[in-house]
Amino acid sequence: MASIVALTREFAQLNVARSIGTFPIRTCGTIASLDREISRDPPVAILYEPGLGLASQHDVLRGIELLGIRLIVRSSLLPSAITELMTLCRAHPWTAVSIRPHDSLELVSTTLNEPDGGPVASVLSYIEPELVSEAATPFLIAPLVLGRRRIRGPEHAGAFSIQQRTLESQHRKLALPEPRRMRTWGAAFWALWRLDRWGWLPKRAAANGGFATASALWETLAPVMRGAPDRHSRTDRVTWAVSQFRQELLRQSPNGLGRSIALSSVLDTHAPTLTKAP
C-alpha cells in the first residue's frame, strides 16, 4: 500500500493522525531506519524535519530522487534547521518546503496532489550564502514559503512569534526588502510557478493564491512584475523573476556584503531555466 514515511522527532502528532489523506504514515527516527523503510517499501513521500542529518546523506537523497519520491521538508525557523534546509534546497531544488508549526497535515496533503514541490527550493537554490547573511536567511525564507497563499502583515510576523513592527525593524537591520515587498515576491513566485510550470489558468492560479480574481492577483504583483516578459514569450518568467529578486537583494546588501557576486553573474533573460522537479 502506498504510504508516507516521516523522519521526524514529532512522533506524537503524526501517530495521532496515522494518515495524511489516503496515505498511512510510517515513522522513523534515524537515517538508517529511513533507508530501510525506503528499501522495504518505497513511499510516495518523505516528511523530513531538519536537524537529523539528511542533507549530508547524498546516497540516500540520490535514491529518493531516482525513485521519484516527493521530499517535503517541514522546517522550523531556528538557525540550525534553516542551515540544513538551505543545504537541501541548493542541492535538491525539487524539494517541497513548509514551516512548522504554521503548516498543517492538510497542507502536506495538498502538496502531495500538486505536480511538484513548488518554487521555494528552486528559488532558494539561486541565493548564494554571500548574498544574504545567516541571520537574515529565516526572514528570506518565510515569505517565500508563506506566499503559497496571500498573507497579511500580522500573519507574516506571526511566523516568528513577533509583532509586525518588530518584523519591519528586523528587515531594516538585516538589509532585506521591507516585509510587504517580500510578501509580494513570495506571491509572485507561486503565481508564476502555477501558471508557467504547472500550466494552470490565471483564474485557478489566483484562487489557489488567495485572490478573488486574476486581476486582483496581478494588481498585487505589479510592484515586482514591471517589465516582466509576456506569458507567450520565449523567456522563462520564473527565471526572469529570480534574476530580478537576486538583483534587489544585491542592491540591499550592506557594505558590499554581496560584492563577491558580480552583477554579471546574475541570471539574465537568456539564462537557462530554473531546475524543474524530476
Protein backbone atom coordinates (compact mmCIF):
# COMPACT_ATOMS: atom_id res chain seq x y z
CA MET A 1 0.00 0.00 0.00
CA ALA A 2 1.24 3.49 -0.88
CA SER A 3 2.35 5.35 2.24
CA ILE A 4 4.32 8.30 3.62
CA VAL A 5 7.47 7.94 5.71
CA ALA A 6 8.16 10.61 8.32
CA LEU A 7 11.73 11.15 9.52
CA THR A 8 10.92 13.37 12.45
CA ARG A 9 11.04 13.88 16.20
CA GLU A 10 7.32 14.73 16.22
CA PHE A 11 6.04 11.18 16.52
CA ALA A 12 3.11 12.16 18.75
CA GLN A 13 1.42 14.43 16.21
CA LEU A 14 1.92 12.03 13.33
CA ASN A 15 0.90 8.92 15.25
CA VAL A 16 -2.36 10.57 16.28
CA ALA A 17 -3.04 11.45 12.64
CA ARG A 18 -1.99 7.98 11.43
CA SER A 19 -2.52 9.09 7.87
CA ILE A 20 -2.35 12.08 5.53
CA GLY A 21 -5.16 11.97 3.02
CA THR A 22 -5.40 8.35 1.93
CA PHE A 23 -1.78 7.59 2.78
CA PRO A 24 -0.86 5.88 6.06
CA ILE A 25 2.16 7.31 7.89
CA ARG A 26 5.20 5.23 8.81
CA THR A 27 7.55 6.95 11.26
CA CYS A 28 11.27 6.57 11.85
CA GLY A 29 13.84 8.48 13.88
CA THR A 30 17.18 7.85 12.15
CA ILE A 31 18.64 7.98 8.66
CA ALA A 32 19.40 4.25 8.85
CA SER A 33 15.78 3.39 9.63
CA LEU A 34 14.63 5.70 6.82
CA ASP A 35 16.91 3.90 4.38
CA ARG A 36 15.46 0.56 5.48
CA GLU A 37 11.89 1.81 5.05
CA ILE A 38 12.67 3.04 1.54
CA SER A 39 14.27 -0.29 0.60
CA ARG A 40 11.42 -2.32 2.08
CA ASP A 41 8.54 -0.39 0.53
CA PRO A 42 9.28 2.92 -1.27
CA PRO A 43 6.82 5.59 -0.06
CA VAL A 44 5.12 8.23 -2.18
CA ALA A 45 6.65 10.94 0.02
CA ILE A 46 9.05 11.59 2.86
CA LEU A 47 8.34 14.18 5.54
CA TYR A 48 11.59 15.44 7.00
CA GLU A 49 12.33 17.64 9.99
CA PRO A 50 15.75 19.34 9.57
CA GLY A 51 18.26 18.51 12.24
CA LEU A 52 18.56 14.77 11.73
CA GLY A 53 21.32 14.95 9.10
CA LEU A 54 19.59 14.04 5.84
CA ALA A 55 21.37 16.81 3.90
CA SER A 56 24.71 15.03 4.33
CA GLN A 57 23.39 11.65 3.16
CA HIS A 58 23.99 12.04 -0.57
CA ASP A 59 23.40 8.40 -1.48
CA VAL A 60 20.06 8.34 0.33
CA LEU A 61 18.99 11.59 -1.32
CA ARG A 62 20.03 10.32 -4.72
CA GLY A 63 17.94 7.21 -4.17
CA ILE A 64 14.94 9.33 -3.16
CA GLU A 65 15.29 11.34 -6.35
CA LEU A 66 15.74 8.33 -8.62
CA LEU A 67 12.68 6.62 -7.14
CA GLY A 68 10.57 9.74 -7.71
CA ILE A 69 9.72 10.06 -4.02
CA ARG A 70 8.43 13.50 -3.00
CA LEU A 71 10.62 15.09 -0.31
CA ILE A 72 8.73 17.54 1.92
CA VAL A 73 10.88 19.43 4.41
CA ARG A 74 8.90 20.74 7.38
CA SER A 75 11.35 23.21 8.88
CA SER A 76 11.25 25.47 11.89
CA LEU A 77 12.79 28.93 11.57
CA LEU A 78 15.55 28.13 14.07
CA PRO A 79 19.12 28.70 12.77
CA SER A 80 20.14 25.03 12.97
CA ALA A 81 17.12 23.93 10.94
CA ILE A 82 17.49 26.75 8.41
CA THR A 83 21.13 25.85 7.72
CA GLU A 84 20.24 22.29 6.73
CA LEU A 85 17.16 23.45 4.82
CA MET A 86 19.29 25.76 2.66
CA THR A 87 21.77 22.95 2.02
CA LEU A 88 18.95 20.69 0.85
CA CYS A 89 17.41 23.38 -1.35
CA ARG A 90 20.70 24.24 -3.06
CA ALA A 91 21.48 20.59 -3.78
CA HIS A 92 17.92 19.37 -4.43
CA PRO A 93 15.71 22.17 -5.82
CA TRP A 94 12.85 19.69 -6.32
CA THR A 95 12.24 19.72 -2.54
CA ALA A 96 8.91 20.96 -1.14
CA VAL A 97 9.17 23.29 1.86
CA SER A 98 6.80 24.23 4.69
CA ILE A 99 7.28 25.99 8.02
CA ARG A 100 6.45 24.34 11.33
CA PRO A 101 4.24 24.83 13.26
CA HIS A 102 2.48 27.19 10.86
CA ASP A 103 1.73 24.48 8.31
CA SER A 104 -0.64 21.57 8.80
CA LEU A 105 -1.03 17.99 7.76
CA GLU A 106 -3.83 19.19 5.47
CA LEU A 107 -1.28 21.39 3.70
CA VAL A 108 1.00 18.39 3.31
CA SER A 109 -1.89 16.53 1.69
CA THR A 110 -2.40 19.43 -0.72
CA THR A 111 1.30 19.40 -1.59
CA LEU A 112 1.11 15.71 -2.48
CA ASN A 113 -1.63 16.43 -5.01
CA GLU A 114 0.40 19.12 -6.79
CA PRO A 115 2.64 18.36 -9.78
CA ASP A 116 5.88 19.08 -7.90
CA GLY A 117 7.28 20.72 -4.77
CA GLY A 118 6.64 24.30 -5.88
CA PRO A 119 9.02 27.24 -6.35
CA VAL A 120 10.59 27.72 -2.91
CA ALA A 121 13.57 25.36 -3.09
CA SER A 122 14.26 26.28 -6.72
CA VAL A 123 14.37 29.98 -5.86
CA LEU A 124 16.50 29.42 -2.74
CA SER A 125 18.95 27.30 -4.73
CA TYR A 126 19.98 30.51 -6.54
CA ILE A 127 20.56 32.53 -3.34
CA GLU A 128 24.27 32.23 -2.50
CA PRO A 129 25.41 32.38 1.14
CA GLU A 130 27.31 35.59 0.32
CA LEU A 131 24.15 37.31 -0.82
CA VAL A 132 22.11 37.05 2.40
CA SER A 133 23.57 36.81 5.89
CA GLU A 134 22.91 33.79 8.07
CA ALA A 135 20.83 35.91 10.45
CA ALA A 136 18.70 37.19 7.55
CA THR A 137 18.04 33.80 5.97
CA PRO A 138 14.94 32.86 8.04
CA PHE A 139 13.41 36.24 7.11
CA LEU A 140 14.15 35.49 3.45
CA ILE A 141 12.59 32.03 3.55
CA ALA A 142 9.37 32.73 5.47
CA PRO A 143 7.59 34.97 2.92
CA LEU A 144 8.60 32.68 0.05
CA VAL A 145 7.04 29.68 1.79
CA LEU A 146 4.00 31.58 3.07
CA GLY A 147 3.49 33.10 -0.40
CA ARG A 148 1.60 29.95 -1.35
CA ARG A 149 -1.47 31.83 -0.06
CA ARG A 150 -1.97 35.57 0.25
CA ILE A 151 -0.93 36.71 3.72
CA ARG A 152 -1.07 39.98 5.65
CA GLY A 153 1.50 41.57 7.91
CA PRO A 154 0.26 40.07 11.20
CA GLU A 155 0.34 36.53 9.79
CA HIS A 156 3.84 37.13 8.40
CA ALA A 157 5.07 38.40 11.77
CA GLY A 158 3.28 35.53 13.50
CA ALA A 159 5.58 33.04 11.77
CA PHE A 160 8.30 34.43 14.03
CA SER A 161 6.03 34.98 17.04
CA ILE A 162 6.77 38.71 16.96
CA GLN A 163 4.84 41.91 16.34
CA GLN A 164 4.56 43.43 12.88
CA ARG A 165 6.63 46.48 13.83
CA THR A 166 9.37 44.21 15.14
CA LEU A 167 9.37 42.31 11.86
CA GLU A 168 9.75 45.56 9.93
CA SER A 169 12.61 46.60 12.20
CA GLN A 170 14.36 43.26 11.71
CA HIS A 171 14.17 43.58 7.93
CA ARG A 172 15.78 47.02 8.12
CA LYS A 173 18.55 45.78 10.41
CA LEU A 174 19.21 42.78 8.17
CA ALA A 175 19.19 44.83 4.96
CA LEU A 176 16.29 42.93 3.44
CA PRO A 177 13.47 44.42 1.37
CA GLU A 178 10.57 45.51 3.56
CA PRO A 179 8.21 42.70 4.64
CA ARG A 180 5.37 43.83 2.39
CA ARG A 181 7.62 43.68 -0.67
CA MET A 182 8.95 40.26 0.37
CA ARG A 183 5.37 39.01 0.63
CA THR A 184 4.76 40.30 -2.88
CA TRP A 185 7.79 38.40 -4.14
CA GLY A 186 6.57 35.24 -2.45
CA ALA A 187 3.15 35.54 -4.08
CA ALA A 188 4.80 36.29 -7.44
CA PHE A 189 6.96 33.15 -7.41
CA TRP A 190 4.00 30.95 -6.55
CA ALA A 191 1.79 32.59 -9.19
CA LEU A 192 4.39 32.25 -11.95
CA TRP A 193 5.11 28.64 -10.95
CA ARG A 194 1.44 27.73 -11.09
CA LEU A 195 0.98 29.45 -14.44
CA ASP A 196 4.18 28.53 -16.26
CA ARG A 197 5.33 25.31 -14.60
CA TRP A 198 2.00 23.70 -13.86
CA GLY A 199 0.11 25.24 -16.77
CA TRP A 200 -2.78 26.48 -14.67
CA LEU A 201 -5.19 29.08 -15.99
CA PRO A 202 -4.94 32.54 -14.36
CA LYS A 203 -8.28 32.16 -12.57
CA ARG A 204 -7.19 28.92 -10.90
CA ALA A 205 -3.75 30.29 -10.02
CA ALA A 206 -5.34 33.34 -8.43
CA ALA A 207 -7.87 31.32 -6.44
CA ASN A 208 -5.22 28.98 -5.07
CA GLY A 209 -3.14 32.00 -4.10
CA GLY A 210 -5.99 33.50 -2.10
CA PHE A 211 -7.04 36.15 -4.63
CA ALA A 212 -10.64 36.74 -5.69
CA THR A 213 -9.76 37.29 -9.36
CA ALA A 214 -6.80 37.11 -11.71
CA SER A 215 -6.96 40.90 -11.96
CA ALA A 216 -6.60 41.23 -8.18
CA LEU A 217 -3.59 38.91 -8.30
CA TRP A 218 -1.79 40.93 -10.99
CA GLU A 219 -2.63 44.21 -9.28
CA THR A 220 -0.93 42.94 -6.11
CA LEU A 221 2.10 41.64 -8.01
CA ALA A 222 2.54 44.80 -10.11
CA PRO A 223 5.32 46.33 -7.93
CA VAL A 224 7.67 43.41 -8.66
CA MET A 225 6.42 42.39 -12.10
CA ARG A 226 7.10 45.58 -14.04
CA GLY A 227 8.97 44.69 -17.19
CA ALA A 228 8.11 41.01 -16.94
CA PRO A 229 8.08 39.11 -20.23
CA ASP A 230 4.75 38.13 -21.72
CA ARG A 231 3.44 34.66 -20.88
CA HIS A 232 3.87 33.65 -24.51
CA SER A 233 7.42 34.95 -24.70
CA ARG A 234 10.32 32.52 -25.13
CA THR A 235 11.80 33.96 -21.93
CA ASP A 236 11.17 31.85 -18.83
CA ARG A 237 9.28 34.07 -16.41
CA VAL A 238 10.29 32.22 -13.25
CA THR A 239 13.96 32.61 -14.18
CA TRP A 240 13.34 36.27 -15.01
CA ALA A 241 11.76 36.81 -11.58
CA VAL A 242 14.65 35.12 -9.78
CA SER A 243 17.07 37.39 -11.64
CA GLN A 244 15.15 40.47 -10.54
CA PHE A 245 14.88 39.20 -6.97
CA ARG A 246 18.61 38.49 -6.72
CA GLN A 247 19.47 41.92 -8.07
CA GLU A 248 17.21 43.51 -5.48
CA LEU A 249 18.89 41.53 -2.69
CA LEU A 250 22.28 42.55 -4.06
CA ARG A 251 21.34 46.22 -4.03
CA GLN A 252 20.19 45.88 -0.42
CA SER A 253 23.41 44.18 0.75
CA PRO A 254 25.09 46.28 3.49
CA ASN A 255 28.68 47.41 3.00
CA GLY A 256 29.00 45.34 -0.14
CA LEU A 257 28.07 42.05 1.52
CA GLY A 258 27.22 40.75 -1.92
CA ARG A 259 30.18 42.32 -3.71
CA SER A 260 31.76 38.93 -4.30
CA ILE A 261 28.79 38.17 -6.55
CA ALA A 262 29.35 40.25 -9.65
CA LEU A 263 26.28 41.67 -11.28
CA SER A 264 27.32 39.91 -14.44
CA SER A 265 26.70 36.60 -12.69
CA VAL A 266 23.04 37.41 -12.08
CA LEU A 267 20.72 35.39 -14.29
CA ASP A 268 19.69 37.35 -17.35
CA THR A 269 16.85 36.72 -19.73
CA HIS A 270 18.99 34.38 -21.78
CA ALA A 271 19.96 32.16 -18.84
CA PRO A 272 18.86 28.51 -18.69
CA THR A 273 15.54 27.92 -16.97
CA LEU A 274 15.43 27.01 -13.32
CA THR A 275 15.66 23.34 -12.48
CA LYS A 276 12.32 21.59 -12.59
CA ALA A 277 11.29 18.70 -10.41
CA PRO A 278 12.14 15.24 -11.76
